[in-house]
């Protein structure tokens, strides 16, 4: 599956942005999707993930209550709604896809992702 992320930009602290990730291919609904971010000088981290059906979600502690991941399998698109943005949310955001596992363990969101989109820059000014 090929992925294209978009929707980043410059926003003031407290503002909102919605990232979108469009996927090609007819098997999108068989993939778990994740949003990752990487800030300068820091390692890439998983921000949020969603299972193929949308029935399972994961959020990093740093974004819980502020970010919402969702997907529309009919449109082959996954979204990341980001509210109450903080300067520390500044990073390049990436979407990624992995085949859904047969059994979902507690670390399902951290398993290896097979496909990555190009990054989209999110900058939050103070």
PDB file of N, CA and C in Angstrom:
ATOM      1  N   UNK A   1       0.835  -1.175   0.000  1.00  0.00           N
ATOM      2  CA  UNK A   1       0.000   0.000   0.000  1.00  0.00           C
ATOM      3  C   UNK A   1       0.882   1.241   0.000  1.00  0.00           C
ATOM      4  N   UNK A   2       0.501   2.209  -0.799  1.00  0.00           N
ATOM      5  CA  UNK A   2       1.240   3.470  -0.835  1.00  0.00           C
ATOM      6  C   UNK A   2       0.457   4.525  -0.068  1.00  0.00           C
ATOM      7  N   UNK A   3       1.201   5.353   0.666  1.00  0.00           N
ATOM      8  CA  UNK A   3       0.574   6.317   1.549  1.00  0.00           C
ATOM      9  C   UNK A   3       1.023   7.731   1.237  1.00  0.00           C
ATOM     10  N   UNK A   4       0.101   8.666   1.381  1.00  0.00           N
ATOM     11  CA  UNK A   4       0.431  10.075   1.208  1.00  0.00           C
ATOM     12  C   UNK A   4      -0.230  10.868   2.320  1.00  0.00           C
ATOM     13  N   UNK A   5       0.610  11.495   3.133  1.00  0.00           N
ATOM     14  CA  UNK A   5       0.113  12.290   4.255  1.00  0.00           C
ATOM     15  C   UNK A   5       0.077  13.759   3.889  1.00  0.00           C
ATOM     16  N   UNK A   6      -0.914  14.451   4.418  1.00  0.00           N
ATOM     17  CA  UNK A   6      -1.006  15.887   4.184  1.00  0.00           C
ATOM     18  C   UNK A   6      -1.821  16.521   5.298  1.00  0.00           C
ATOM     19  N   UNK A   7      -1.793  17.845   5.334  1.00  0.00           N
ATOM     20  CA  UNK A   7      -2.574  18.567   6.326  1.00  0.00           C
ATOM     21  C   UNK A   7      -1.757  19.293   7.375  1.00  0.00           C
ATOM     22  N   UNK A   8      -0.442  19.141   7.320  1.00  0.00           N
ATOM     23  CA  UNK A   8       0.388  19.838   8.287  1.00  0.00           C
ATOM     24  C   UNK A   8       0.404  21.339   8.039  1.00  0.00           C
ATOM     25  N   UNK A   9       1.045  22.052   8.952  1.00  0.00           N
ATOM     26  CA  UNK A   9       1.134  23.489   8.786  1.00  0.00           C
ATOM     27  C   UNK A   9       1.615  24.158  10.051  1.00  0.00           C
ATOM     28  N   UNK A  10       1.474  25.463  10.071  1.00  0.00           N
ATOM     29  CA  UNK A  10       1.877  26.281  11.214  1.00  0.00           C
ATOM     30  C   UNK A  10       0.621  26.718  11.962  1.00  0.00           C
ATOM     31  N   UNK A  11       0.617  26.502  13.257  1.00  0.00           N
ATOM     32  CA  UNK A  11      -0.545  26.849  14.069  1.00  0.00           C
ATOM     33  C   UNK A  11      -0.066  27.371  15.406  1.00  0.00           C
ATOM     34  N   UNK A  12      -0.839  28.238  16.006  1.00  0.00           N
ATOM     35  CA  UNK A  12      -0.502  28.744  17.325  1.00  0.00           C
ATOM     36  C   UNK A  12      -0.856  27.721  18.396  1.00  0.00           C
ATOM     37  N   UNK A  13      -0.182  27.814  19.505  1.00  0.00           N
ATOM     38  CA  UNK A  13      -0.481  26.933  20.629  1.00  0.00           C
ATOM     39  C   UNK A  13      -1.950  27.057  20.997  1.00  0.00           C
ATOM     40  N   UNK A  14      -2.561  25.911  21.262  1.00  0.00           N
ATOM     41  CA  UNK A  14      -3.984  25.887  21.564  1.00  0.00           C
ATOM     42  C   UNK A  14      -4.857  25.647  20.348  1.00  0.00           C
ATOM     43  N   UNK A  15      -4.265  25.731  19.178  1.00  0.00           N
ATOM     44  CA  UNK A  15      -5.007  25.541  17.940  1.00  0.00           C
ATOM     45  C   UNK A  15      -5.178  24.085  17.563  1.00  0.00           C
ATOM     46  N   UNK A  16      -5.754  23.880  16.392  1.00  0.00           N
ATOM     47  CA  UNK A  16      -6.055  22.531  15.914  1.00  0.00           C
ATOM     48  C   UNK A  16      -5.586  22.342  14.478  1.00  0.00           C
ATOM     49  N   UNK A  17      -5.296  21.115  14.155  1.00  0.00           N
ATOM     50  CA  UNK A  17      -5.000  20.709  12.786  1.00  0.00           C
ATOM     51  C   UNK A  17      -5.563  19.316  12.589  1.00  0.00           C
ATOM     52  N   UNK A  18      -5.901  18.987  11.353  1.00  0.00           N
ATOM     53  CA  UNK A  18      -6.287  17.623  11.039  1.00  0.00           C
ATOM     54  C   UNK A  18      -5.379  17.102   9.936  1.00  0.00           C
ATOM     55  N   UNK A  19      -4.673  16.040  10.255  1.00  0.00           N
ATOM     56  CA  UNK A  19      -3.842  15.372   9.270  1.00  0.00           C
ATOM     57  C   UNK A  19      -4.649  14.276   8.590  1.00  0.00           C
ATOM     58  N   UNK A  20      -4.372  14.086   7.330  1.00  0.00           N
ATOM     59  CA  UNK A  20      -4.999  13.010   6.567  1.00  0.00           C
ATOM     60  C   UNK A  20      -3.905  12.175   5.919  1.00  0.00           C
ATOM     61  N   UNK A  21      -4.216  10.924   5.719  1.00  0.00           N
ATOM     62  CA  UNK A  21      -3.284  10.013   5.049  1.00  0.00           C
ATOM     63  C   UNK A  21      -4.109   9.177   4.079  1.00  0.00           C
ATOM     64  N   UNK A  22      -3.880   9.396   2.800  1.00  0.00           N
ATOM     65  CA  UNK A  22      -4.602   8.671   1.766  1.00  0.00           C
ATOM     66  C   UNK A  22      -3.789   7.460   1.319  1.00  0.00           C
ATOM     67  N   UNK A  23      -4.445   6.327   1.216  1.00  0.00           N
ATOM     68  CA  UNK A  23      -3.783   5.084   0.826  1.00  0.00           C
ATOM     69  C   UNK A  23      -4.267   4.619  -0.533  1.00  0.00           C
ATOM     70  N   UNK A  24      -3.364   4.056  -1.282  1.00  0.00           N
ATOM     71  CA  UNK A  24      -3.744   3.466  -2.562  1.00  0.00           C
ATOM     72  C   UNK A  24      -3.962   1.979  -2.358  1.00  0.00           C
ATOM     73  N   UNK A  25      -4.616   1.346  -3.288  1.00  0.00           N
ATOM     74  CA  UNK A  25      -4.819  -0.092  -3.204  1.00  0.00           C
ATOM     75  C   UNK A  25      -6.180  -0.456  -2.652  1.00  0.00           C
ATOM     76  N   UNK A  26      -6.581  -1.694  -2.931  1.00  0.00           N
ATOM     77  CA  UNK A  26      -7.920  -2.138  -2.549  1.00  0.00           C
ATOM     78  C   UNK A  26      -7.931  -2.924  -1.250  1.00  0.00           C
ATOM     79  N   UNK A  27      -6.771  -2.985  -0.567  1.00  0.00           N
ATOM     80  CA  UNK A  27      -6.714  -3.779   0.655  1.00  0.00           C
ATOM     81  C   UNK A  27      -6.512  -2.917   1.883  1.00  0.00           C
ATOM     82  N   UNK A  28      -6.822  -1.635   1.790  1.00  0.00           N
ATOM     83  CA  UNK A  28      -6.604  -0.723   2.910  1.00  0.00           C
ATOM     84  C   UNK A  28      -7.277  -1.229   4.178  1.00  0.00           C
ATOM     85  N   UNK A  29      -8.439  -1.794   4.043  1.00  0.00           N
ATOM     86  CA  UNK A  29      -9.196  -2.211   5.217  1.00  0.00           C
ATOM     87  C   UNK A  29      -8.577  -3.404   5.936  1.00  0.00           C
ATOM     88  N   UNK A  30      -7.534  -3.991   5.376  1.00  0.00           N
ATOM     89  CA  UNK A  30      -6.866  -5.097   6.051  1.00  0.00           C
ATOM     90  C   UNK A  30      -5.611  -4.640   6.795  1.00  0.00           C
ATOM     91  N   UNK A  31      -5.387  -3.334   6.825  1.00  0.00           N
ATOM     92  CA  UNK A  31      -4.198  -2.790   7.461  1.00  0.00           C
ATOM     93  C   UNK A  31      -4.531  -2.016   8.730  1.00  0.00           C
ATOM     94  N   UNK A  32      -3.721  -2.218   9.750  1.00  0.00           N
ATOM     95  CA  UNK A  32      -3.700  -1.305  10.881  1.00  0.00           C
ATOM     96  C   UNK A  32      -2.918  -0.072  10.448  1.00  0.00           C
ATOM     97  N   UNK A  33      -3.301   1.074  10.984  1.00  0.00           N
ATOM     98  CA  UNK A  33      -2.645   2.315  10.595  1.00  0.00           C
ATOM     99  C   UNK A  33      -2.101   3.027  11.816  1.00  0.00           C
ATOM    100  N   UNK A  34      -0.999   3.723  11.615  1.00  0.00           N
ATOM    101  CA  UNK A  34      -0.402   4.466  12.716  1.00  0.00           C
ATOM    102  C   UNK A  34       0.058   5.842  12.277  1.00  0.00           C
ATOM    103  N   UNK A  35       0.077   6.737  13.219  1.00  0.00           N
ATOM    104  CA  UNK A  35       0.686   8.061  13.033  1.00  0.00           C
ATOM    105  C   UNK A  35       1.911   8.136  13.940  1.00  0.00           C
ATOM    106  N   UNK A  36       3.005   8.551  13.376  1.00  0.00           N
ATOM    107  CA  UNK A  36       4.255   8.709  14.095  1.00  0.00           C
ATOM    108  C   UNK A  36       4.713  10.153  13.954  1.00  0.00           C
ATOM    109  N   UNK A  37       5.643  10.548  14.808  1.00  0.00           N
ATOM    110  CA  UNK A  37       6.241  11.865  14.654  1.00  0.00           C
ATOM    111  C   UNK A  37       7.707  11.809  15.048  1.00  0.00           C
ATOM    112  N   UNK A  38       8.453  12.725  14.466  1.00  0.00           N
ATOM    113  CA  UNK A  38       9.866  12.847  14.810  1.00  0.00           C
ATOM    114  C   UNK A  38      10.226  14.316  14.877  1.00  0.00           C
ATOM    115  N   UNK A  39      10.655  14.721  16.054  1.00  0.00           N
ATOM    116  CA  UNK A  39      11.110  16.090  16.265  1.00  0.00           C
ATOM    117  C   UNK A  39      12.619  16.142  16.075  1.00  0.00           C
ATOM    118  N   UNK A  40      13.155  17.306  15.759  1.00  0.00           N
ATOM    119  CA  UNK A  40      14.604  17.422  15.557  1.00  0.00           C
ATOM    120  C   UNK A  40      15.385  16.924  16.774  1.00  0.00           C
ATOM    121  N   UNK A  41      16.335  16.059  16.520  1.00  0.00           N
ATOM    122  CA  UNK A  41      17.178  15.554  17.586  1.00  0.00           C
ATOM    123  C   UNK A  41      16.537  14.482  18.449  1.00  0.00           C
ATOM    124  N   UNK A  42      15.332  14.062  18.082  1.00  0.00           N
ATOM    125  CA  UNK A  42      14.643  13.043  18.874  1.00  0.00           C
ATOM    126  C   UNK A  42      14.330  11.830  18.016  1.00  0.00           C
ATOM    127  N   UNK A  43      14.078  10.718  18.679  1.00  0.00           N
ATOM    128  CA  UNK A  43      13.709   9.514  17.973  1.00  0.00           C
ATOM    129  C   UNK A  43      12.249   9.583  17.526  1.00  0.00           C
ATOM    130  N   UNK A  44      11.981   8.816  16.477  1.00  0.00           N
ATOM    131  CA  UNK A  44      10.600   8.732  16.015  1.00  0.00           C
ATOM    132  C   UNK A  44       9.760   8.016  17.064  1.00  0.00           C
ATOM    133  N   UNK A  45       8.564   8.493  17.285  1.00  0.00           N
ATOM    134  CA  UNK A  45       7.681   7.889  18.276  1.00  0.00           C
ATOM    135  C   UNK A  45       6.285   7.697  17.685  1.00  0.00           C
ATOM    136  N   UNK A  46       5.625   6.654  18.161  1.00  0.00           N
ATOM    137  CA  UNK A  46       4.259   6.423  17.734  1.00  0.00           C
ATOM    138  C   UNK A  46       3.346   7.363  18.513  1.00  0.00           C
ATOM    139  N   UNK A  47       2.484   8.032  17.811  1.00  0.00           N
ATOM    140  CA  UNK A  47       1.562   8.981  18.412  1.00  0.00           C
ATOM    141  C   UNK A  47       0.191   8.334  18.630  1.00  0.00           C
ATOM    142  N   UNK A  48      -0.293   7.651  17.611  1.00  0.00           N
ATOM    143  CA  UNK A  48      -1.610   7.024  17.679  1.00  0.00           C
ATOM    144  C   UNK A  48      -1.671   5.904  16.664  1.00  0.00           C
ATOM    145  N   UNK A  49      -2.532   4.946  16.919  1.00  0.00           N
ATOM    146  CA  UNK A  49      -2.712   3.838  15.986  1.00  0.00           C
ATOM    147  C   UNK A  49      -4.167   3.395  16.023  1.00  0.00           C
ATOM    148  N   UNK A  50      -4.589   2.771  14.922  1.00  0.00           N
ATOM    149  CA  UNK A  50      -5.966   2.305  14.828  1.00  0.00           C
ATOM    150  C   UNK A  50      -5.984   0.976  14.087  1.00  0.00           C
ATOM    151  N   UNK A  51      -6.770   0.056  14.575  1.00  0.00           N
ATOM    152  CA  UNK A  51      -6.862  -1.253  13.947  1.00  0.00           C
ATOM    153  C   UNK A  51      -7.653  -1.178  12.644  1.00  0.00           C
ATOM    154  N   UNK A  52      -7.648  -2.276  11.897  1.00  0.00           N
ATOM    155  CA  UNK A  52      -8.248  -2.266  10.574  1.00  0.00           C
ATOM    156  C   UNK A  52      -9.723  -1.866  10.592  1.00  0.00           C
ATOM    157  N   UNK A  53     -10.414  -2.267  11.645  1.00  0.00           N
ATOM    158  CA  UNK A  53     -11.849  -1.987  11.729  1.00  0.00           C
ATOM    159  C   UNK A  53     -12.149  -0.673  12.435  1.00  0.00           C
ATOM    160  N   UNK A  54     -11.147  -0.123  13.078  1.00  0.00           N
ATOM    161  CA  UNK A  54     -11.380   1.054  13.904  1.00  0.00           C
ATOM    162  C   UNK A  54     -11.783   0.701  15.322  1.00  0.00           C
ATOM    163  N   UNK A  55     -11.858  -0.603  15.601  1.00  0.00           N
ATOM    164  CA  UNK A  55     -12.326  -1.015  16.911  1.00  0.00           C
ATOM    165  C   UNK A  55     -11.300  -0.882  18.019  1.00  0.00           C
ATOM    166  N   UNK A  56     -10.056  -0.814  17.639  1.00  0.00           N
ATOM    167  CA  UNK A  56      -8.980  -0.629  18.621  1.00  0.00           C
ATOM    168  C   UNK A  56      -8.204   0.627  18.276  1.00  0.00           C
ATOM    169  N   UNK A  57      -7.892   1.390  19.295  1.00  0.00           N
ATOM    170  CA  UNK A  57      -7.050   2.563  19.109  1.00  0.00           C
ATOM    171  C   UNK A  57      -6.003   2.597  20.214  1.00  0.00           C
ATOM    172  N   UNK A  58      -4.933   3.294  19.910  1.00  0.00           N
ATOM    173  CA  UNK A  58      -3.850   3.507  20.871  1.00  0.00           C
ATOM    174  C   UNK A  58      -3.432   4.964  20.783  1.00  0.00           C
ATOM    175  N   UNK A  59      -3.113   5.543  21.935  1.00  0.00           N
ATOM    176  CA  UNK A  59      -2.583   6.898  21.975  1.00  0.00           C
ATOM    177  C   UNK A  59      -1.390   6.955  22.921  1.00  0.00           C
ATOM    178  N   UNK A  60      -0.383   7.670  22.522  1.00  0.00           N
ATOM    179  CA  UNK A  60       0.715   7.950  23.424  1.00  0.00           C
ATOM    180  C   UNK A  60       0.202   8.825  24.563  1.00  0.00           C
ATOM    181  N   UNK A  61       0.790   8.666  25.730  1.00  0.00           N
ATOM    182  CA  UNK A  61       0.335   9.438  26.890  1.00  0.00           C
ATOM    183  C   UNK A  61       0.379  10.936  26.629  1.00  0.00           C
ATOM    184  N   UNK A  62       1.356  11.353  25.851  1.00  0.00           N
ATOM    185  CA  UNK A  62       1.542  12.786  25.618  1.00  0.00           C
ATOM    186  C   UNK A  62       0.422  13.423  24.798  1.00  0.00           C
ATOM    187  N   UNK A  63      -0.394  12.611  24.133  1.00  0.00           N
ATOM    188  CA  UNK A  63      -1.450  13.175  23.282  1.00  0.00           C
ATOM    189  C   UNK A  63      -2.846  12.736  23.684  1.00  0.00           C
ATOM    190  N   UNK A  64      -2.938  11.886  24.686  1.00  0.00           N
ATOM    191  CA  UNK A  64      -4.258  11.416  25.116  1.00  0.00           C
ATOM    192  C   UNK A  64      -5.153  12.585  25.514  1.00  0.00           C
ATOM    193  N   UNK A  65      -6.382  12.532  25.051  1.00  0.00           N
ATOM    194  CA  UNK A  65      -7.329  13.589  25.358  1.00  0.00           C
ATOM    195  C   UNK A  65      -7.250  14.773  24.422  1.00  0.00           C
ATOM    196  N   UNK A  66      -6.212  14.832  23.593  1.00  0.00           N
ATOM    197  CA  UNK A  66      -6.045  15.954  22.664  1.00  0.00           C
ATOM    198  C   UNK A  66      -6.132  15.514  21.207  1.00  0.00           C
ATOM    199  N   UNK A  67      -5.618  14.338  20.914  1.00  0.00           N
ATOM    200  CA  UNK A  67      -5.587  13.824  19.550  1.00  0.00           C
ATOM    201  C   UNK A  67      -6.608  12.705  19.398  1.00  0.00           C
ATOM    202  N   UNK A  68      -7.163  12.593  18.204  1.00  0.00           N
ATOM    203  CA  UNK A  68      -8.094  11.516  17.885  1.00  0.00           C
ATOM    204  C   UNK A  68      -7.746  10.930  16.528  1.00  0.00           C
ATOM    205  N   UNK A  69      -7.550   9.628  16.498  1.00  0.00           N
ATOM    206  CA  UNK A  69      -7.298   8.938  15.240  1.00  0.00           C
ATOM    207  C   UNK A  69      -8.593   8.302  14.777  1.00  0.00           C
ATOM    208  N   UNK A  70      -8.826   8.342  13.479  1.00  0.00           N
ATOM    209  CA  UNK A  70     -10.016   7.714  12.911  1.00  0.00           C
ATOM    210  C   UNK A  70      -9.695   7.273  11.492  1.00  0.00           C
ATOM    211  N   UNK A  71     -10.577   6.492  10.921  1.00  0.00           N
ATOM    212  CA  UNK A  71     -10.344   6.029   9.556  1.00  0.00           C
ATOM    213  C   UNK A  71     -11.672   5.887   8.829  1.00  0.00           C
ATOM    214  N   UNK A  72     -11.595   6.021   7.527  1.00  0.00           N
ATOM    215  CA  UNK A  72     -12.750   5.806   6.661  1.00  0.00           C
ATOM    216  C   UNK A  72     -12.300   4.805   5.607  1.00  0.00           C
ATOM    217  N   UNK A  73     -12.649   3.553   5.790  1.00  0.00           N
ATOM    218  CA  UNK A  73     -12.182   2.523   4.874  1.00  0.00           C
ATOM    219  C   UNK A  73     -12.779   2.678   3.476  1.00  0.00           C
ATOM    220  N   UNK A  74     -13.928   3.302   3.382  1.00  0.00           N
ATOM    221  CA  UNK A  74     -14.523   3.531   2.066  1.00  0.00           C
ATOM    222  C   UNK A  74     -13.719   4.549   1.267  1.00  0.00           C
ATOM    223  N   UNK A  75     -13.028   5.432   1.972  1.00  0.00           N
ATOM    224  CA  UNK A  75     -12.219   6.461   1.316  1.00  0.00           C
ATOM    225  C   UNK A  75     -10.733   6.161   1.376  1.00  0.00           C
ATOM    226  N   UNK A  76     -10.375   4.999   1.938  1.00  0.00           N
ATOM    227  CA  UNK A  76      -8.952   4.633   2.049  1.00  0.00           C
ATOM    228  C   UNK A  76      -8.145   5.733   2.740  1.00  0.00           C
ATOM    229  N   UNK A  77      -8.676   6.270   3.791  1.00  0.00           N
ATOM    230  CA  UNK A  77      -8.033   7.403   4.445  1.00  0.00           C
ATOM    231  C   UNK A  77      -8.062   7.238   5.963  1.00  0.00           C
ATOM    232  N   UNK A  78      -6.969   7.634   6.583  1.00  0.00           N
ATOM    233  CA  UNK A  78      -6.888   7.693   8.036  1.00  0.00           C
ATOM    234  C   UNK A  78      -6.617   9.139   8.423  1.00  0.00           C
ATOM    235  N   UNK A  79      -7.174   9.545   9.549  1.00  0.00           N
ATOM    236  CA  UNK A  79      -7.081  10.927   9.987  1.00  0.00           C
ATOM    237  C   UNK A  79      -6.448  11.014  11.373  1.00  0.00           C
ATOM    238  N   UNK A  80      -5.877  12.161  11.649  1.00  0.00           N
ATOM    239  CA  UNK A  80      -5.414  12.470  12.996  1.00  0.00           C
ATOM    240  C   UNK A  80      -5.887  13.890  13.304  1.00  0.00           C
ATOM    241  N   UNK A  81      -6.901  13.981  14.140  1.00  0.00           N
ATOM    242  CA  UNK A  81      -7.394  15.280  14.591  1.00  0.00           C
ATOM    243  C   UNK A  81      -6.577  15.695  15.804  1.00  0.00           C
ATOM    244  N   UNK A  82      -5.940  16.840  15.703  1.00  0.00           N
ATOM    245  CA  UNK A  82      -5.060  17.311  16.770  1.00  0.00           C
ATOM    246  C   UNK A  82      -5.617  18.611  17.331  1.00  0.00           C
ATOM    247  N   UNK A  83      -6.004  18.569  18.587  1.00  0.00           N
ATOM    248  CA  UNK A  83      -6.547  19.741  19.264  1.00  0.00           C
ATOM    249  C   UNK A  83      -5.627  20.163  20.399  1.00  0.00           C
ATOM    250  N   UNK A  84      -5.830  21.358  20.895  1.00  0.00           N
ATOM    251  CA  UNK A  84      -5.040  21.884  22.013  1.00  0.00           C
ATOM    252  C   UNK A  84      -3.554  21.677  21.775  1.00  0.00           C
ATOM    253  N   UNK A  85      -3.109  22.034  20.609  1.00  0.00           N
ATOM    254  CA  UNK A  85      -1.716  21.788  20.234  1.00  0.00           C
ATOM    255  C   UNK A  85      -0.755  22.574  21.102  1.00  0.00           C
ATOM    256  N   UNK A  86       0.385  21.959  21.360  1.00  0.00           N
ATOM    257  CA  UNK A  86       1.426  22.552  22.183  1.00  0.00           C
ATOM    258  C   UNK A  86       2.701  22.677  21.360  1.00  0.00           C
ATOM    259  N   UNK A  87       3.581  23.586  21.737  1.00  0.00           N
ATOM    260  CA  UNK A  87       4.854  23.697  21.003  1.00  0.00           C
ATOM    261  C   UNK A  87       5.609  22.374  20.942  1.00  0.00           C
ATOM    262  N   UNK A  88       5.499  21.552  21.964  1.00  0.00           N
ATOM    263  CA  UNK A  88       6.204  20.265  21.963  1.00  0.00           C
ATOM    264  C   UNK A  88       5.602  19.254  20.999  1.00  0.00           C
ATOM    265  N   UNK A  89       4.478  19.585  20.369  1.00  0.00           N
ATOM    266  CA  UNK A  89       3.931  18.732  19.319  1.00  0.00           C
ATOM    267  C   UNK A  89       4.597  18.996  17.968  1.00  0.00           C
ATOM    268  N   UNK A  90       5.443  20.000  17.914  1.00  0.00           N
ATOM    269  CA  UNK A  90       6.148  20.324  16.678  1.00  0.00           C
ATOM    270  C   UNK A  90       7.027  19.158  16.244  1.00  0.00           C
ATOM    271  N   UNK A  91       6.807  18.699  15.027  1.00  0.00           N
ATOM    272  CA  UNK A  91       7.537  17.546  14.509  1.00  0.00           C
ATOM    273  C   UNK A  91       7.108  17.299  13.068  1.00  0.00           C
ATOM    274  N   UNK A  92       7.813  16.400  12.429  1.00  0.00           N
ATOM    275  CA  UNK A  92       7.358  15.849  11.156  1.00  0.00           C
ATOM    276  C   UNK A  92       6.494  14.636  11.488  1.00  0.00           C
ATOM    277  N   UNK A  93       5.302  14.609  10.954  1.00  0.00           N
ATOM    278  CA  UNK A  93       4.356  13.529  11.226  1.00  0.00           C
ATOM    279  C   UNK A  93       4.295  12.598  10.021  1.00  0.00           C
ATOM    280  N   UNK A  94       4.312  11.302  10.309  1.00  0.00           N
ATOM    281  CA  UNK A  94       4.273  10.276   9.280  1.00  0.00           C
ATOM    282  C   UNK A  94       3.103   9.335   9.530  1.00  0.00           C
ATOM    283  N   UNK A  95       2.478   8.876   8.464  1.00  0.00           N
ATOM    284  CA  UNK A  95       1.519   7.796   8.616  1.00  0.00           C
ATOM    285  C   UNK A  95       2.185   6.504   8.128  1.00  0.00           C
ATOM    286  N   UNK A  96       1.722   5.408   8.666  1.00  0.00           N
ATOM    287  CA  UNK A  96       2.303   4.115   8.340  1.00  0.00           C
ATOM    288  C   UNK A  96       1.230   3.039   8.395  1.00  0.00           C
ATOM    289  N   UNK A  97       1.496   1.944   7.691  1.00  0.00           N
ATOM    290  CA  UNK A  97       0.529   0.843   7.614  1.00  0.00           C
ATOM    291  C   UNK A  97       1.213  -0.484   7.893  1.00  0.00           C
ATOM    292  N   UNK A  98       0.492  -1.387   8.517  1.00  0.00           N
ATOM    293  CA  UNK A  98       0.980  -2.749   8.707  1.00  0.00           C
ATOM    294  C   UNK A  98      -0.196  -3.695   8.579  1.00  0.00           C
ATOM    295  N   UNK A  99       0.104  -4.900   8.122  1.00  0.00           N
ATOM    296  CA  UNK A  99      -0.946  -5.898   7.998  1.00  0.00           C
ATOM    297  C   UNK A  99      -1.514  -6.203   9.385  1.00  0.00           C
ATOM    298  N   UNK A 100      -2.798  -6.329   9.458  1.00  0.00           N
ATOM    299  CA  UNK A 100      -3.426  -6.618  10.747  1.00  0.00           C
ATOM    300  C   UNK A 100      -3.018  -8.006  11.228  1.00  0.00           C
ATOM    301  N   UNK A 101      -2.725  -8.138  12.483  1.00  0.00           N
ATOM    302  CA  UNK A 101      -2.341  -9.456  13.011  1.00  0.00           C
ATOM    303  C   UNK A 101      -3.564 -10.371  13.142  1.00  0.00           C
ATOM    304  N   UNK A 102      -3.304 -11.655  13.207  1.00  0.00           N
ATOM    305  CA  UNK A 102      -4.408 -12.604  13.425  1.00  0.00           C
ATOM    306  C   UNK A 102      -4.963 -12.466  14.839  1.00  0.00           C
ATOM    307  N   UNK A 103      -4.067 -12.185  15.773  1.00  0.00           N
ATOM    308  CA  UNK A 103      -4.454 -11.996  17.169  1.00  0.00           C
ATOM    309  C   UNK A 103      -3.863 -10.677  17.654  1.00  0.00           C
ATOM    310  N   UNK A 104      -4.659  -9.892  18.319  1.00  0.00           N
ATOM    311  CA  UNK A 104      -4.187  -8.606  18.816  1.00  0.00           C
ATOM    312  C   UNK A 104      -3.656  -8.763  20.247  1.00  0.00           C
ATOM    313  N   UNK A 105      -2.345  -8.594  20.379  1.00  0.00           N
ATOM    314  CA  UNK A 105      -1.739  -8.573  21.704  1.00  0.00           C
ATOM    315  C   UNK A 105      -1.712  -7.162  22.257  1.00  0.00           C
ATOM    316  N   UNK A 106      -1.169  -7.015  23.436  1.00  0.00           N
ATOM    317  CA  UNK A 106      -1.167  -5.709  24.093  1.00  0.00           C
ATOM    318  C   UNK A 106      -0.290  -4.697  23.367  1.00  0.00           C
ATOM    319  N   UNK A 107       0.667  -5.176  22.582  1.00  0.00           N
ATOM    320  CA  UNK A 107       1.581  -4.267  21.891  1.00  0.00           C
ATOM    321  C   UNK A 107       1.306  -4.199  20.399  1.00  0.00           C
ATOM    322  N   UNK A 108       0.059  -4.429  20.000  1.00  0.00           N
ATOM    323  CA  UNK A 108      -0.279  -4.515  18.583  1.00  0.00           C
ATOM    324  C   UNK A 108       0.121  -3.255  17.818  1.00  0.00           C
ATOM    325  N   UNK A 109       0.066  -2.112  18.491  1.00  0.00           N
ATOM    326  CA  UNK A 109       0.339  -0.835  17.828  1.00  0.00           C
ATOM    327  C   UNK A 109       1.839  -0.642  17.568  1.00  0.00           C
ATOM    328  N   UNK A 110       2.679  -1.412  18.221  1.00  0.00           N
ATOM    329  CA  UNK A 110       4.130  -1.233  18.127  1.00  0.00           C
ATOM    330  C   UNK A 110       4.790  -2.226  17.180  1.00  0.00           C
ATOM    331  N   UNK A 111       4.020  -3.126  16.592  1.00  0.00           N
ATOM    332  CA  UNK A 111       4.599  -4.098  15.674  1.00  0.00           C
ATOM    333  C   UNK A 111       5.120  -3.397  14.425  1.00  0.00           C
ATOM    334  N   UNK A 112       5.942  -4.111  13.685  1.00  0.00           N
ATOM    335  CA  UNK A 112       6.618  -3.515  12.535  1.00  0.00           C
ATOM    336  C   UNK A 112       5.633  -3.018  11.486  1.00  0.00           C
ATOM    337  N   UNK A 113       5.834  -1.790  11.047  1.00  0.00           N
ATOM    338  CA  UNK A 113       5.019  -1.218   9.999  1.00  0.00           C
ATOM    339  C   UNK A 113       5.719  -1.414   8.654  1.00  0.00           C
ATOM    340  N   UNK A 114       4.944  -1.759   7.633  1.00  0.00           N
ATOM    341  CA  UNK A 114       5.506  -2.142   6.349  1.00  0.00           C
ATOM    342  C   UNK A 114       5.596  -0.990   5.358  1.00  0.00           C
ATOM    343  N   UNK A 115       4.691  -0.062   5.437  1.00  0.00           N
ATOM    344  CA  UNK A 115       4.638   1.024   4.464  1.00  0.00           C
ATOM    345  C   UNK A 115       4.585   2.359   5.199  1.00  0.00           C
ATOM    346  N   UNK A 116       5.286   3.326   4.621  1.00  0.00           N
ATOM    347  CA  UNK A 116       5.369   4.644   5.227  1.00  0.00           C
ATOM    348  C   UNK A 116       5.053   5.712   4.195  1.00  0.00           C
ATOM    349  N   UNK A 117       4.364   6.742   4.642  1.00  0.00           N
ATOM    350  CA  UNK A 117       4.140   7.886   3.784  1.00  0.00           C
ATOM    351  C   UNK A 117       5.252   8.907   3.975  1.00  0.00           C
ATOM    352  N   UNK A 118       5.250   9.906   3.134  1.00  0.00           N
ATOM    353  CA  UNK A 118       6.199  10.989   3.329  1.00  0.00           C
ATOM    354  C   UNK A 118       5.717  11.824   4.508  1.00  0.00           C
ATOM    355  N   UNK A 119       6.569  12.519   5.142  1.00  0.00           N
ATOM    356  CA  UNK A 119       6.193  13.282   6.318  1.00  0.00           C
ATOM    357  C   UNK A 119       5.481  14.574   5.972  1.00  0.00           C
ATOM    358  N   UNK A 120       4.749  15.080   6.954  1.00  0.00           N
ATOM    359  CA  UNK A 120       4.138  16.394   6.828  1.00  0.00           C
ATOM    360  C   UNK A 120       4.498  17.185   8.085  1.00  0.00           C
ATOM    361  N   UNK A 121       4.990  18.383   7.887  1.00  0.00           N
ATOM    362  CA  UNK A 121       5.507  19.176   9.001  1.00  0.00           C
ATOM    363  C   UNK A 121       4.373  19.830   9.778  1.00  0.00           C
ATOM    364  N   UNK A 122       4.438  19.685  11.081  1.00  0.00           N
ATOM    365  CA  UNK A 122       3.526  20.393  11.980  1.00  0.00           C
ATOM    366  C   UNK A 122       4.379  21.284  12.880  1.00  0.00           C
ATOM    367  N   UNK A 123       4.093  22.564  12.860  1.00  0.00           N
ATOM    368  CA  UNK A 123       4.829  23.513  13.688  1.00  0.00           C
ATOM    369  C   UNK A 123       3.834  24.272  14.555  1.00  0.00           C
ATOM    370  N   UNK A 124       4.061  24.222  15.861  1.00  0.00           N
ATOM    371  CA  UNK A 124       3.182  24.891  16.807  1.00  0.00           C
ATOM    372  C   UNK A 124       3.973  26.025  17.460  1.00  0.00           C
ATOM    373  N   UNK A 125       3.523  27.223  17.266  1.00  0.00           N
ATOM    374  CA  UNK A 125       4.223  28.377  17.825  1.00  0.00           C
ATOM    375  C   UNK A 125       3.639  28.729  19.195  1.00  0.00           C
ATOM    376  N   UNK A 126       4.506  29.238  20.049  1.00  0.00           N
ATOM    377  CA  UNK A 126       4.071  29.585  21.417  1.00  0.00           C
ATOM    378  C   UNK A 126       3.556  31.011  21.490  1.00  0.00           C
TER     379      UNK A 126
END
